[in-house]
Amino acid sequence: MNISSVSKASNPILAESGHELFLRGIETAGAIVTIQELDTNETFTGIIKHCDSSTISLRVDREDGTYQVYVIFKHAIKKFWVNPANQPPRLFQ
Protein backbone atom coordinates (compact mmCIF):
# COMPACT_ATOMS: atom_id res chain seq x y z
CA MET A 1 0.00 0.00 0.00
CA ASN A 2 1.42 3.35 -0.90
CA ILE A 3 0.84 6.50 1.13
CA SER A 4 -1.45 8.06 -1.46
CA SER A 5 -3.94 5.20 -1.08
CA VAL A 6 -4.43 5.86 2.65
CA SER A 7 -7.11 8.43 3.38
CA LYS A 8 -6.71 11.09 6.02
CA ALA A 9 -9.97 9.92 7.61
CA SER A 10 -8.58 6.39 8.12
CA ASN A 11 -5.26 7.62 9.52
CA PRO A 12 -5.48 10.52 11.99
CA ILE A 13 -1.71 11.14 11.84
CA LEU A 14 -2.04 12.01 8.13
CA ALA A 15 -4.84 14.46 8.98
CA GLU A 16 -2.60 16.45 11.31
CA SER A 17 -0.89 19.55 10.04
CA GLY A 18 0.57 22.78 11.36
CA HIS A 19 0.79 23.00 15.13
CA GLU A 20 -0.95 19.61 15.55
CA LEU A 21 1.85 17.93 13.63
CA PHE A 22 4.45 19.97 15.54
CA LEU A 23 2.93 18.90 18.88
CA ARG A 24 2.88 15.25 17.79
CA GLY A 25 6.58 15.52 16.94
CA ILE A 26 7.34 17.02 20.36
CA GLU A 27 5.32 14.25 22.03
CA THR A 28 7.02 11.49 20.04
CA ALA A 29 10.50 12.88 20.71
CA GLY A 30 9.90 13.28 24.44
CA ALA A 31 11.04 16.89 24.18
CA ILE A 32 10.65 19.32 27.05
CA VAL A 33 8.06 22.00 26.29
CA THR A 34 6.95 25.12 28.13
CA ILE A 35 3.29 26.12 27.96
CA GLN A 36 2.01 29.55 29.03
CA GLU A 37 -1.63 29.89 30.05
CA LEU A 38 -3.72 32.58 28.43
CA ASP A 39 -5.51 34.03 31.48
CA THR A 40 -2.89 33.75 34.23
CA ASN A 41 0.38 33.81 32.24
CA GLU A 42 1.46 30.90 34.45
CA THR A 43 3.98 28.61 32.77
CA PHE A 44 4.33 24.84 32.99
CA THR A 45 7.43 23.03 31.77
CA GLY A 46 7.37 19.31 31.15
CA ILE A 47 6.96 16.47 28.68
CA ILE A 48 3.82 15.97 26.59
CA LYS A 49 2.34 12.60 27.45
CA HIS A 50 -0.64 12.92 25.12
CA CYS A 51 -2.32 15.49 22.94
CA ASP A 52 -5.54 15.51 20.97
CA SER A 53 -7.62 18.11 19.19
CA SER A 54 -8.68 19.80 22.46
CA THR A 55 -6.12 19.07 25.17
CA ILE A 56 -2.48 18.52 26.03
CA SER A 57 -1.50 16.25 28.94
CA LEU A 58 1.77 17.58 30.32
CA ARG A 59 3.92 15.68 32.84
CA VAL A 60 5.68 18.16 35.13
CA ASP A 61 8.44 16.72 37.33
CA ARG A 62 8.73 18.05 40.87
CA GLU A 63 11.92 18.66 42.85
CA ASP A 64 11.04 15.86 45.31
CA GLY A 65 11.12 13.25 42.52
CA THR A 66 7.36 13.00 42.08
CA TYR A 67 5.40 14.40 39.16
CA GLN A 68 2.03 15.90 38.30
CA VAL A 69 0.18 15.46 35.02
CA TYR A 70 -1.77 18.55 33.98
CA VAL A 71 -4.50 18.41 31.36
CA ILE A 72 -4.42 21.78 29.62
CA PHE A 73 -7.16 22.82 27.24
CA LYS A 74 -5.68 24.21 24.03
CA HIS A 75 -8.08 27.17 24.00
CA ALA A 76 -6.48 28.26 27.32
CA ILE A 77 -2.92 28.36 25.92
CA LYS A 78 -1.31 31.72 25.17
CA LYS A 79 1.84 30.18 23.67
CA PHE A 80 4.14 27.20 23.89
CA TRP A 81 7.78 26.68 23.00
CA VAL A 82 10.63 24.22 22.97
CA ASN A 83 14.06 25.44 24.05
CA PRO A 84 16.84 23.35 22.39
CA ALA A 85 19.19 24.20 25.28
CA ASN A 86 16.75 22.55 27.71
CA GLN A 87 16.56 19.15 25.96
CA PRO A 88 18.11 15.76 26.50
CA PRO A 89 21.24 15.59 24.28
CA ARG A 90 19.83 12.77 22.12
CA LEU A 91 17.18 15.07 20.60
CA PHE A 92 19.57 17.43 18.85
CA GLN A 93 22.46 15.21 17.77
PDB file of N, CA and C in Angstrom:
ATOM      1  N   MET A   1       0.850  -1.176   0.000  1.00  0.00           N
ATOM      2  CA  MET A   1       0.000   0.000   0.000  1.00  0.00           C
ATOM      3  C   MET A   1       0.892   1.234   0.000  1.00  0.00           C
ATOM      4  N   ASN A   2       0.646   2.121  -0.916  1.00  0.00           N
ATOM      5  CA  ASN A   2       1.422   3.349  -0.900  1.00  0.00           C
ATOM      6  C   ASN A   2       0.678   4.430  -0.121  1.00  0.00           C
ATOM      7  N   ILE A   3       1.390   5.459   0.264  1.00  0.00           N
ATOM      8  CA  ILE A   3       0.841   6.500   1.130  1.00  0.00           C
ATOM      9  C   ILE A   3      -0.340   7.223   0.495  1.00  0.00           C
ATOM     10  N   SER A   4      -0.358   7.337  -0.813  1.00  0.00           N
ATOM     11  CA  SER A   4      -1.454   8.060  -1.465  1.00  0.00           C
ATOM     12  C   SER A   4      -2.766   7.288  -1.413  1.00  0.00           C
ATOM     13  N   SER A   5      -2.709   5.972  -1.145  1.00  0.00           N
ATOM     14  CA  SER A   5      -3.938   5.196  -1.084  1.00  0.00           C
ATOM     15  C   SER A   5      -4.562   5.182   0.308  1.00  0.00           C
ATOM     16  N   VAL A   6      -3.897   5.799   1.286  1.00  0.00           N
ATOM     17  CA  VAL A   6      -4.431   5.865   2.647  1.00  0.00           C
ATOM     18  C   VAL A   6      -5.124   7.208   2.819  1.00  0.00           C
ATOM     19  N   SER A   7      -6.389   7.174   3.204  1.00  0.00           N
ATOM     20  CA  SER A   7      -7.108   8.434   3.375  1.00  0.00           C
ATOM     21  C   SER A   7      -6.789   9.073   4.717  1.00  0.00           C
ATOM     22  N   LYS A   8      -6.941  10.377   4.768  1.00  0.00           N
ATOM     23  CA  LYS A   8      -6.714  11.090   6.021  1.00  0.00           C
ATOM     24  C   LYS A   8      -7.730  10.663   7.076  1.00  0.00           C
ATOM     25  N   ALA A   9      -8.937  10.337   6.663  1.00  0.00           N
ATOM     26  CA  ALA A   9      -9.967   9.916   7.609  1.00  0.00           C
ATOM     27  C   ALA A   9      -9.610   8.585   8.273  1.00  0.00           C
ATOM     28  N   SER A  10      -8.931   7.693   7.553  1.00  0.00           N
ATOM     29  CA  SER A  10      -8.581   6.394   8.124  1.00  0.00           C
ATOM     30  C   SER A  10      -7.282   6.427   8.910  1.00  0.00           C
ATOM     31  N   ASN A  11      -6.525   7.504   8.799  1.00  0.00           N
ATOM     32  CA  ASN A  11      -5.264   7.621   9.518  1.00  0.00           C
ATOM     33  C   ASN A  11      -5.155   9.029  10.092  1.00  0.00           C
ATOM     34  N   PRO A  12      -5.477   9.176  11.412  1.00  0.00           N
ATOM     35  CA  PRO A  12      -5.482  10.517  11.993  1.00  0.00           C
ATOM     36  C   PRO A  12      -4.138  11.233  11.945  1.00  0.00           C
ATOM     37  N   ILE A  13      -3.025  10.498  11.916  1.00  0.00           N
ATOM     38  CA  ILE A  13      -1.714  11.143  11.839  1.00  0.00           C
ATOM     39  C   ILE A  13      -1.573  11.896  10.519  1.00  0.00           C
ATOM     40  N   LEU A  14      -2.103  11.335   9.426  1.00  0.00           N
ATOM     41  CA  LEU A  14      -2.038  12.014   8.134  1.00  0.00           C
ATOM     42  C   LEU A  14      -2.897  13.277   8.130  1.00  0.00           C
ATOM     43  N   ALA A  15      -3.946  13.311   8.944  1.00  0.00           N
ATOM     44  CA  ALA A  15      -4.844  14.458   8.982  1.00  0.00           C
ATOM     45  C   ALA A  15      -4.230  15.627   9.739  1.00  0.00           C
ATOM     46  N   GLU A  16      -3.214  15.380  10.530  1.00  0.00           N
ATOM     47  CA  GLU A  16      -2.601  16.447  11.307  1.00  0.00           C
ATOM     48  C   GLU A  16      -1.731  17.330  10.419  1.00  0.00           C
ATOM     49  N   SER A  17      -1.753  18.607  10.741  1.00  0.00           N
ATOM     50  CA  SER A  17      -0.887  19.545  10.043  1.00  0.00           C
ATOM     51  C   SER A  17      -0.622  20.719  10.969  1.00  0.00           C
ATOM     52  N   GLY A  18       0.279  21.587  10.577  1.00  0.00           N
ATOM     53  CA  GLY A  18       0.565  22.780  11.358  1.00  0.00           C
ATOM     54  C   GLY A  18       0.991  22.472  12.778  1.00  0.00           C
ATOM     55  N   HIS A  19       0.385  23.178  13.742  1.00  0.00           N
ATOM     56  CA  HIS A  19       0.789  23.002  15.135  1.00  0.00           C
ATOM     57  C   HIS A  19       0.438  21.627  15.671  1.00  0.00           C
ATOM     58  N   GLU A  20      -0.603  20.974  15.123  1.00  0.00           N
ATOM     59  CA  GLU A  20      -0.949  19.615  15.552  1.00  0.00           C
ATOM     60  C   GLU A  20       0.194  18.648  15.228  1.00  0.00           C
ATOM     61  N   LEU A  21       0.738  18.774  14.048  1.00  0.00           N
ATOM     62  CA  LEU A  21       1.853  17.930  13.634  1.00  0.00           C
ATOM     63  C   LEU A  21       3.107  18.255  14.443  1.00  0.00           C
ATOM     64  N   PHE A  22       3.325  19.540  14.706  1.00  0.00           N
ATOM     65  CA  PHE A  22       4.452  19.967  15.538  1.00  0.00           C
ATOM     66  C   PHE A  22       4.343  19.385  16.938  1.00  0.00           C
ATOM     67  N   LEU A  23       3.145  19.464  17.546  1.00  0.00           N
ATOM     68  CA  LEU A  23       2.929  18.902  18.883  1.00  0.00           C
ATOM     69  C   LEU A  23       3.153  17.384  18.896  1.00  0.00           C
ATOM     70  N   ARG A  24       2.688  16.707  17.868  1.00  0.00           N
ATOM     71  CA  ARG A  24       2.879  15.254  17.794  1.00  0.00           C
ATOM     72  C   ARG A  24       4.375  14.924  17.734  1.00  0.00           C
ATOM     73  N   GLY A  25       5.128  15.721  17.003  1.00  0.00           N
ATOM     74  CA  GLY A  25       6.580  15.516  16.941  1.00  0.00           C
ATOM     75  C   GLY A  25       7.244  15.727  18.288  1.00  0.00           C
ATOM     76  N   ILE A  26       6.810  16.760  19.017  1.00  0.00           N
ATOM     77  CA  ILE A  26       7.341  17.019  20.362  1.00  0.00           C
ATOM     78  C   ILE A  26       7.003  15.852  21.284  1.00  0.00           C
ATOM     79  N   GLU A  27       5.756  15.386  21.210  1.00  0.00           N
ATOM     80  CA  GLU A  27       5.322  14.253  22.034  1.00  0.00           C
ATOM     81  C   GLU A  27       6.145  13.006  21.723  1.00  0.00           C
ATOM     82  N   THR A  28       6.295  12.687  20.460  1.00  0.00           N
ATOM     83  CA  THR A  28       7.024  11.492  20.038  1.00  0.00           C
ATOM     84  C   THR A  28       8.485  11.543  20.461  1.00  0.00           C
ATOM     85  N   ALA A  29       9.086  12.723  20.367  1.00  0.00           N
ATOM     86  CA  ALA A  29      10.503  12.882  20.707  1.00  0.00           C
ATOM     87  C   ALA A  29      10.748  12.909  22.211  1.00  0.00           C
ATOM     88  N   GLY A  30       9.709  13.145  22.995  1.00  0.00           N
ATOM     89  CA  GLY A  30       9.895  13.282  24.436  1.00  0.00           C
ATOM     90  C   GLY A  30      10.576  14.590  24.802  1.00  0.00           C
ATOM     91  N   ALA A  31      10.399  15.595  23.960  1.00  0.00           N
ATOM     92  CA  ALA A  31      11.043  16.892  24.181  1.00  0.00           C
ATOM     93  C   ALA A  31      10.384  17.628  25.340  1.00  0.00           C
ATOM     94  N   ILE A  32      11.147  18.483  25.967  1.00  0.00           N
ATOM     95  CA  ILE A  32      10.646  19.319  27.053  1.00  0.00           C
ATOM     96  C   ILE A  32      10.030  20.569  26.441  1.00  0.00           C
ATOM     97  N   VAL A  33       8.800  20.859  26.828  1.00  0.00           N
ATOM     98  CA  VAL A  33       8.059  21.996  26.291  1.00  0.00           C
ATOM     99  C   VAL A  33       7.600  22.885  27.440  1.00  0.00           C
ATOM    100  N   THR A  34       7.513  24.170  27.172  1.00  0.00           N
ATOM    101  CA  THR A  34       6.948  25.116  28.133  1.00  0.00           C
ATOM    102  C   THR A  34       5.651  25.653  27.547  1.00  0.00           C
ATOM    103  N   ILE A  35       4.604  25.644  28.376  1.00  0.00           N
ATOM    104  CA  ILE A  35       3.287  26.123  27.963  1.00  0.00           C
ATOM    105  C   ILE A  35       2.899  27.292  28.867  1.00  0.00           C
ATOM    106  N   GLN A  36       2.460  28.397  28.257  1.00  0.00           N
ATOM    107  CA  GLN A  36       2.009  29.553  29.028  1.00  0.00           C
ATOM    108  C   GLN A  36       0.494  29.672  28.891  1.00  0.00           C
ATOM    109  N   GLU A  37      -0.173  29.762  30.049  1.00  0.00           N
ATOM    110  CA  GLU A  37      -1.629  29.895  30.049  1.00  0.00           C
ATOM    111  C   GLU A  37      -2.062  31.289  29.617  1.00  0.00           C
ATOM    112  N   LEU A  38      -3.195  31.340  28.977  1.00  0.00           N
ATOM    113  CA  LEU A  38      -3.719  32.585  28.434  1.00  0.00           C
ATOM    114  C   LEU A  38      -4.145  33.566  29.529  1.00  0.00           C
ATOM    115  N   ASP A  39      -4.944  33.121  30.479  1.00  0.00           N
ATOM    116  CA  ASP A  39      -5.514  34.032  31.480  1.00  0.00           C
ATOM    117  C   ASP A  39      -4.536  34.442  32.568  1.00  0.00           C
ATOM    118  N   THR A  40      -3.727  33.475  33.056  1.00  0.00           N
ATOM    119  CA  THR A  40      -2.886  33.746  34.231  1.00  0.00           C
ATOM    120  C   THR A  40      -1.428  34.026  33.885  1.00  0.00           C
ATOM    121  N   ASN A  41      -1.017  33.732  32.668  1.00  0.00           N
ATOM    122  CA  ASN A  41       0.384  33.808  32.237  1.00  0.00           C
ATOM    123  C   ASN A  41       1.281  32.824  32.979  1.00  0.00           C
ATOM    124  N   GLU A  42       0.684  31.919  33.761  1.00  0.00           N
ATOM    125  CA  GLU A  42       1.460  30.895  34.452  1.00  0.00           C
ATOM    126  C   GLU A  42       2.082  29.958  33.412  1.00  0.00           C
ATOM    127  N   THR A  43       3.316  29.524  33.689  1.00  0.00           N
ATOM    128  CA  THR A  43       3.978  28.605  32.766  1.00  0.00           C
ATOM    129  C   THR A  43       4.155  27.244  33.425  1.00  0.00           C
ATOM    130  N   PHE A  44       4.083  26.216  32.595  1.00  0.00           N
ATOM    131  CA  PHE A  44       4.327  24.841  32.989  1.00  0.00           C
ATOM    132  C   PHE A  44       5.381  24.288  32.053  1.00  0.00           C
ATOM    133  N   THR A  45       6.381  23.627  32.592  1.00  0.00           N
ATOM    134  CA  THR A  45       7.428  23.025  31.773  1.00  0.00           C
ATOM    135  C   THR A  45       7.457  21.538  32.053  1.00  0.00           C
ATOM    136  N   GLY A  46       7.367  20.751  30.991  1.00  0.00           N
ATOM    137  CA  GLY A  46       7.369  19.307  31.155  1.00  0.00           C
ATOM    138  C   GLY A  46       7.378  18.592  29.822  1.00  0.00           C
ATOM    139  N   ILE A  47       6.960  17.340  29.864  1.00  0.00           N
ATOM    140  CA  ILE A  47       6.957  16.470  28.685  1.00  0.00           C
ATOM    141  C   ILE A  47       5.517  16.145  28.321  1.00  0.00           C
ATOM    142  N   ILE A  48       5.177  16.295  27.055  1.00  0.00           N
ATOM    143  CA  ILE A  48       3.821  15.973  26.593  1.00  0.00           C
ATOM    144  C   ILE A  48       3.641  14.459  26.625  1.00  0.00           C
ATOM    145  N   LYS A  49       2.647  14.020  27.382  1.00  0.00           N
ATOM    146  CA  LYS A  49       2.337  12.596  27.454  1.00  0.00           C
ATOM    147  C   LYS A  49       1.286  12.213  26.432  1.00  0.00           C
ATOM    148  N   HIS A  50       0.411  13.164  26.105  1.00  0.00           N
ATOM    149  CA  HIS A  50      -0.637  12.916  25.120  1.00  0.00           C
ATOM    150  C   HIS A  50      -1.189  14.258  24.661  1.00  0.00           C
ATOM    151  N   CYS A  51      -1.598  14.311  23.414  1.00  0.00           N
ATOM    152  CA  CYS A  51      -2.318  15.491  22.938  1.00  0.00           C
ATOM    153  C   CYS A  51      -3.378  15.035  21.951  1.00  0.00           C
ATOM    154  N   ASP A  52      -4.480  15.764  21.938  1.00  0.00           N
ATOM    155  CA  ASP A  52      -5.538  15.506  20.969  1.00  0.00           C
ATOM    156  C   ASP A  52      -6.030  16.853  20.443  1.00  0.00           C
ATOM    157  N   SER A  53      -7.162  16.872  19.819  1.00  0.00           N
ATOM    158  CA  SER A  53      -7.617  18.114  19.194  1.00  0.00           C
ATOM    159  C   SER A  53      -7.993  19.200  20.207  1.00  0.00           C
ATOM    160  N   SER A  54      -8.235  18.810  21.466  1.00  0.00           N
ATOM    161  CA  SER A  54      -8.679  19.801  22.456  1.00  0.00           C
ATOM    162  C   SER A  54      -7.741  20.010  23.633  1.00  0.00           C
ATOM    163  N   THR A  55      -6.916  19.000  23.950  1.00  0.00           N
ATOM    164  CA  THR A  55      -6.124  19.067  25.171  1.00  0.00           C
ATOM    165  C   THR A  55      -4.681  18.612  24.965  1.00  0.00           C
ATOM    166  N   ILE A  56      -3.853  19.008  25.921  1.00  0.00           N
ATOM    167  CA  ILE A  56      -2.481  18.516  26.032  1.00  0.00           C
ATOM    168  C   ILE A  56      -2.314  18.008  27.453  1.00  0.00           C
ATOM    169  N   SER A  57      -1.840  16.787  27.614  1.00  0.00           N
ATOM    170  CA  SER A  57      -1.499  16.250  28.936  1.00  0.00           C
ATOM    171  C   SER A  57      -0.002  16.413  29.110  1.00  0.00           C
ATOM    172  N   LEU A  58       0.376  17.206  30.106  1.00  0.00           N
ATOM    173  CA  LEU A  58       1.773  17.576  30.321  1.00  0.00           C
ATOM    174  C   LEU A  58       2.259  17.017  31.656  1.00  0.00           C
ATOM    175  N   ARG A  59       3.305  16.209  31.613  1.00  0.00           N
ATOM    176  CA  ARG A  59       3.916  15.685  32.837  1.00  0.00           C
ATOM    177  C   ARG A  59       4.966  16.688  33.314  1.00  0.00           C
ATOM    178  N   VAL A  60       4.765  17.193  34.530  1.00  0.00           N
ATOM    179  CA  VAL A  60       5.679  18.160  35.130  1.00  0.00           C
ATOM    180  C   VAL A  60       6.354  17.493  36.321  1.00  0.00           C
ATOM    181  N   ASP A  61       7.676  17.336  36.238  1.00  0.00           N
ATOM    182  CA  ASP A  61       8.436  16.724  37.328  1.00  0.00           C
ATOM    183  C   ASP A  61       8.628  17.716  38.454  1.00  0.00           C
ATOM    184  N   ARG A  62       8.545  17.216  39.681  1.00  0.00           N
ATOM    185  CA  ARG A  62       8.731  18.048  40.869  1.00  0.00           C
ATOM    186  C   ARG A  62      10.125  17.820  41.432  1.00  0.00           C
ATOM    187  N   GLU A  63      10.579  18.757  42.245  1.00  0.00           N
ATOM    188  CA  GLU A  63      11.917  18.664  42.848  1.00  0.00           C
ATOM    189  C   GLU A  63      12.061  17.460  43.769  1.00  0.00           C
ATOM    190  N   ASP A  64      10.962  16.991  44.373  1.00  0.00           N
ATOM    191  CA  ASP A  64      11.038  15.863  45.306  1.00  0.00           C
ATOM    192  C   ASP A  64      11.016  14.496  44.609  1.00  0.00           C
ATOM    193  N   GLY A  65      11.078  14.491  43.273  1.00  0.00           N
ATOM    194  CA  GLY A  65      11.122  13.246  42.522  1.00  0.00           C
ATOM    195  C   GLY A  65       9.758  12.740  42.075  1.00  0.00           C
ATOM    196  N   THR A  66       8.687  13.369  42.533  1.00  0.00           N
ATOM    197  CA  THR A  66       7.355  12.996  42.076  1.00  0.00           C
ATOM    198  C   THR A  66       7.006  13.837  40.851  1.00  0.00           C
ATOM    199  N   TYR A  67       5.835  13.613  40.314  1.00  0.00           N
ATOM    200  CA  TYR A  67       5.396  14.402  39.161  1.00  0.00           C
ATOM    201  C   TYR A  67       3.898  14.625  39.214  1.00  0.00           C
ATOM    202  N   GLN A  68       3.453  15.594  38.444  1.00  0.00           N
ATOM    203  CA  GLN A  68       2.033  15.901  38.301  1.00  0.00           C
ATOM    204  C   GLN A  68       1.732  15.954  36.815  1.00  0.00           C
ATOM    205  N   VAL A  69       0.622  15.346  36.403  1.00  0.00           N
ATOM    206  CA  VAL A  69       0.183  15.462  35.016  1.00  0.00           C
ATOM    207  C   VAL A  69      -0.951  16.479  34.968  1.00  0.00           C
ATOM    208  N   TYR A  70      -0.763  17.517  34.166  1.00  0.00           N
ATOM    209  CA  TYR A  70      -1.769  18.554  33.979  1.00  0.00           C
ATOM    210  C   TYR A  70      -2.441  18.339  32.632  1.00  0.00           C
ATOM    211  N   VAL A  71      -3.751  18.416  32.618  1.00  0.00           N
ATOM    212  CA  VAL A  71      -4.498  18.411  31.361  1.00  0.00           C
ATOM    213  C   VAL A  71      -4.827  19.866  31.067  1.00  0.00           C
ATOM    214  N   ILE A  72      -4.278  20.362  29.976  1.00  0.00           N
ATOM    215  CA  ILE A  72      -4.418  21.775  29.623  1.00  0.00           C
ATOM    216  C   ILE A  72      -5.256  21.868  28.350  1.00  0.00           C
ATOM    217  N   PHE A  73      -6.325  22.630  28.420  1.00  0.00           N
ATOM    218  CA  PHE A  73      -7.155  22.818  27.239  1.00  0.00           C
ATOM    219  C   PHE A  73      -6.452  23.777  26.280  1.00  0.00           C
ATOM    220  N   LYS A  74      -6.409  23.406  25.023  1.00  0.00           N
ATOM    221  CA  LYS A  74      -5.682  24.206  24.034  1.00  0.00           C
ATOM    222  C   LYS A  74      -6.223  25.628  23.916  1.00  0.00           C
ATOM    223  N   HIS A  75      -7.526  25.814  24.114  1.00  0.00           N
ATOM    224  CA  HIS A  75      -8.079  27.167  24.000  1.00  0.00           C
ATOM    225  C   HIS A  75      -7.594  28.071  25.137  1.00  0.00           C
ATOM    226  N   ALA A  76      -6.984  27.480  26.180  1.00  0.00           N
ATOM    227  CA  ALA A  76      -6.478  28.260  27.319  1.00  0.00           C
ATOM    228  C   ALA A  76      -4.975  28.530  27.219  1.00  0.00           C
ATOM    229  N   ILE A  77      -4.365  28.187  26.080  1.00  0.00           N
ATOM    230  CA  ILE A  77      -2.923  28.358  25.916  1.00  0.00           C
ATOM    231  C   ILE A  77      -2.635  29.685  25.199  1.00  0.00           C
ATOM    232  N   LYS A  78      -1.762  30.471  25.806  1.00  0.00           N
ATOM    233  CA  LYS A  78      -1.307  31.716  25.169  1.00  0.00           C
ATOM    234  C   LYS A  78      -0.225  31.394  24.146  1.00  0.00           C
ATOM    235  N   LYS A  79       0.768  30.605  24.584  1.00  0.00           N
ATOM    236  CA  LYS A  79       1.836  30.182  23.675  1.00  0.00           C
ATOM    237  C   LYS A  79       2.557  28.983  24.267  1.00  0.00           C
ATOM    238  N   PHE A  80       3.294  28.295  23.425  1.00  0.00           N
ATOM    239  CA  PHE A  80       4.143  27.203  23.886  1.00  0.00           C
ATOM    240  C   PHE A  80       5.431  27.221  23.084  1.00  0.00           C
ATOM    241  N   TRP A  81       6.499  26.682  23.693  1.00  0.00           N
ATOM    242  CA  TRP A  81       7.782  26.680  23.002  1.00  0.00           C
ATOM    243  C   TRP A  81       8.646  25.540  23.503  1.00  0.00           C
ATOM    244  N   VAL A  82       9.614  25.211  22.662  1.00  0.00           N
ATOM    245  CA  VAL A  82      10.630  24.218  22.972  1.00  0.00           C
ATOM    246  C   VAL A  82      11.969  24.937  22.924  1.00  0.00           C
ATOM    247  N   ASN A  83      12.749  24.805  23.986  1.00  0.00           N
ATOM    248  CA  ASN A  83      14.064  25.439  24.050  1.00  0.00           C
ATOM    249  C   ASN A  83      15.123  24.355  23.813  1.00  0.00           C
ATOM    250  N   PRO A  84      15.832  24.387  22.679  1.00  0.00           N
ATOM    251  CA  PRO A  84      16.837  23.351  22.394  1.00  0.00           C
ATOM    252  C   PRO A  84      17.894  23.208  23.484  1.00  0.00           C
ATOM    253  N   ALA A  85      18.188  24.273  24.218  1.00  0.00           N
ATOM    254  CA  ALA A  85      19.195  24.205  25.284  1.00  0.00           C
ATOM    255  C   ALA A  85      18.678  23.437  26.499  1.00  0.00           C
ATOM    256  N   ASN A  86      17.374  23.189  26.560  1.00  0.00           N
ATOM    257  CA  ASN A  86      16.752  22.550  27.708  1.00  0.00           C
ATOM    258  C   ASN A  86      16.312  21.113  27.391  1.00  0.00           C
ATOM    259  N   GLN A  87      16.967  20.470  26.423  1.00  0.00           N
ATOM    260  CA  GLN A  87      16.559  19.150  25.961  1.00  0.00           C
ATOM    261  C   GLN A  87      17.597  18.087  26.303  1.00  0.00           C
ATOM    262  N   PRO A  88      17.135  16.842  26.397  1.00  0.00           N
ATOM    263  CA  PRO A  88      18.110  15.755  26.502  1.00  0.00           C
ATOM    264  C   PRO A  88      19.007  15.775  25.266  1.00  0.00           C
ATOM    265  N   PRO A  89      20.305  15.496  25.415  1.00  0.00           N
ATOM    266  CA  PRO A  89      21.242  15.588  24.282  1.00  0.00           C
ATOM    267  C   PRO A  89      20.838  14.780  23.064  1.00  0.00           C
ATOM    268  N   ARG A  90      20.175  13.665  23.245  1.00  0.00           N
ATOM    269  CA  ARG A  90      19.830  12.772  22.121  1.00  0.00           C
ATOM    270  C   ARG A  90      18.889  13.427  21.107  1.00  0.00           C
ATOM    271  N   LEU A  91      18.157  14.463  21.501  1.00  0.00           N
ATOM    272  CA  LEU A  91      17.184  15.067  20.597  1.00  0.00           C
ATOM    273  C   LEU A  91      17.803  15.937  19.526  1.00  0.00           C
ATOM    274  N   PHE A  92      18.979  16.479  19.793  1.00  0.00           N
ATOM    275  CA  PHE A  92      19.573  17.431  18.853  1.00  0.00           C
ATOM    276  C   PHE A  92      20.965  16.997  18.405  1.00  0.00           C
ATOM    277  N   GLN A  93      21.165  15.711  18.252  1.00  0.00           N
ATOM    278  CA  GLN A  93      22.465  15.211  17.767  1.00  0.00           C
ATOM    279  C   GLN A  93      22.470  15.085  16.277  1.00  0.00           C
TER     280      GLN A  93
END
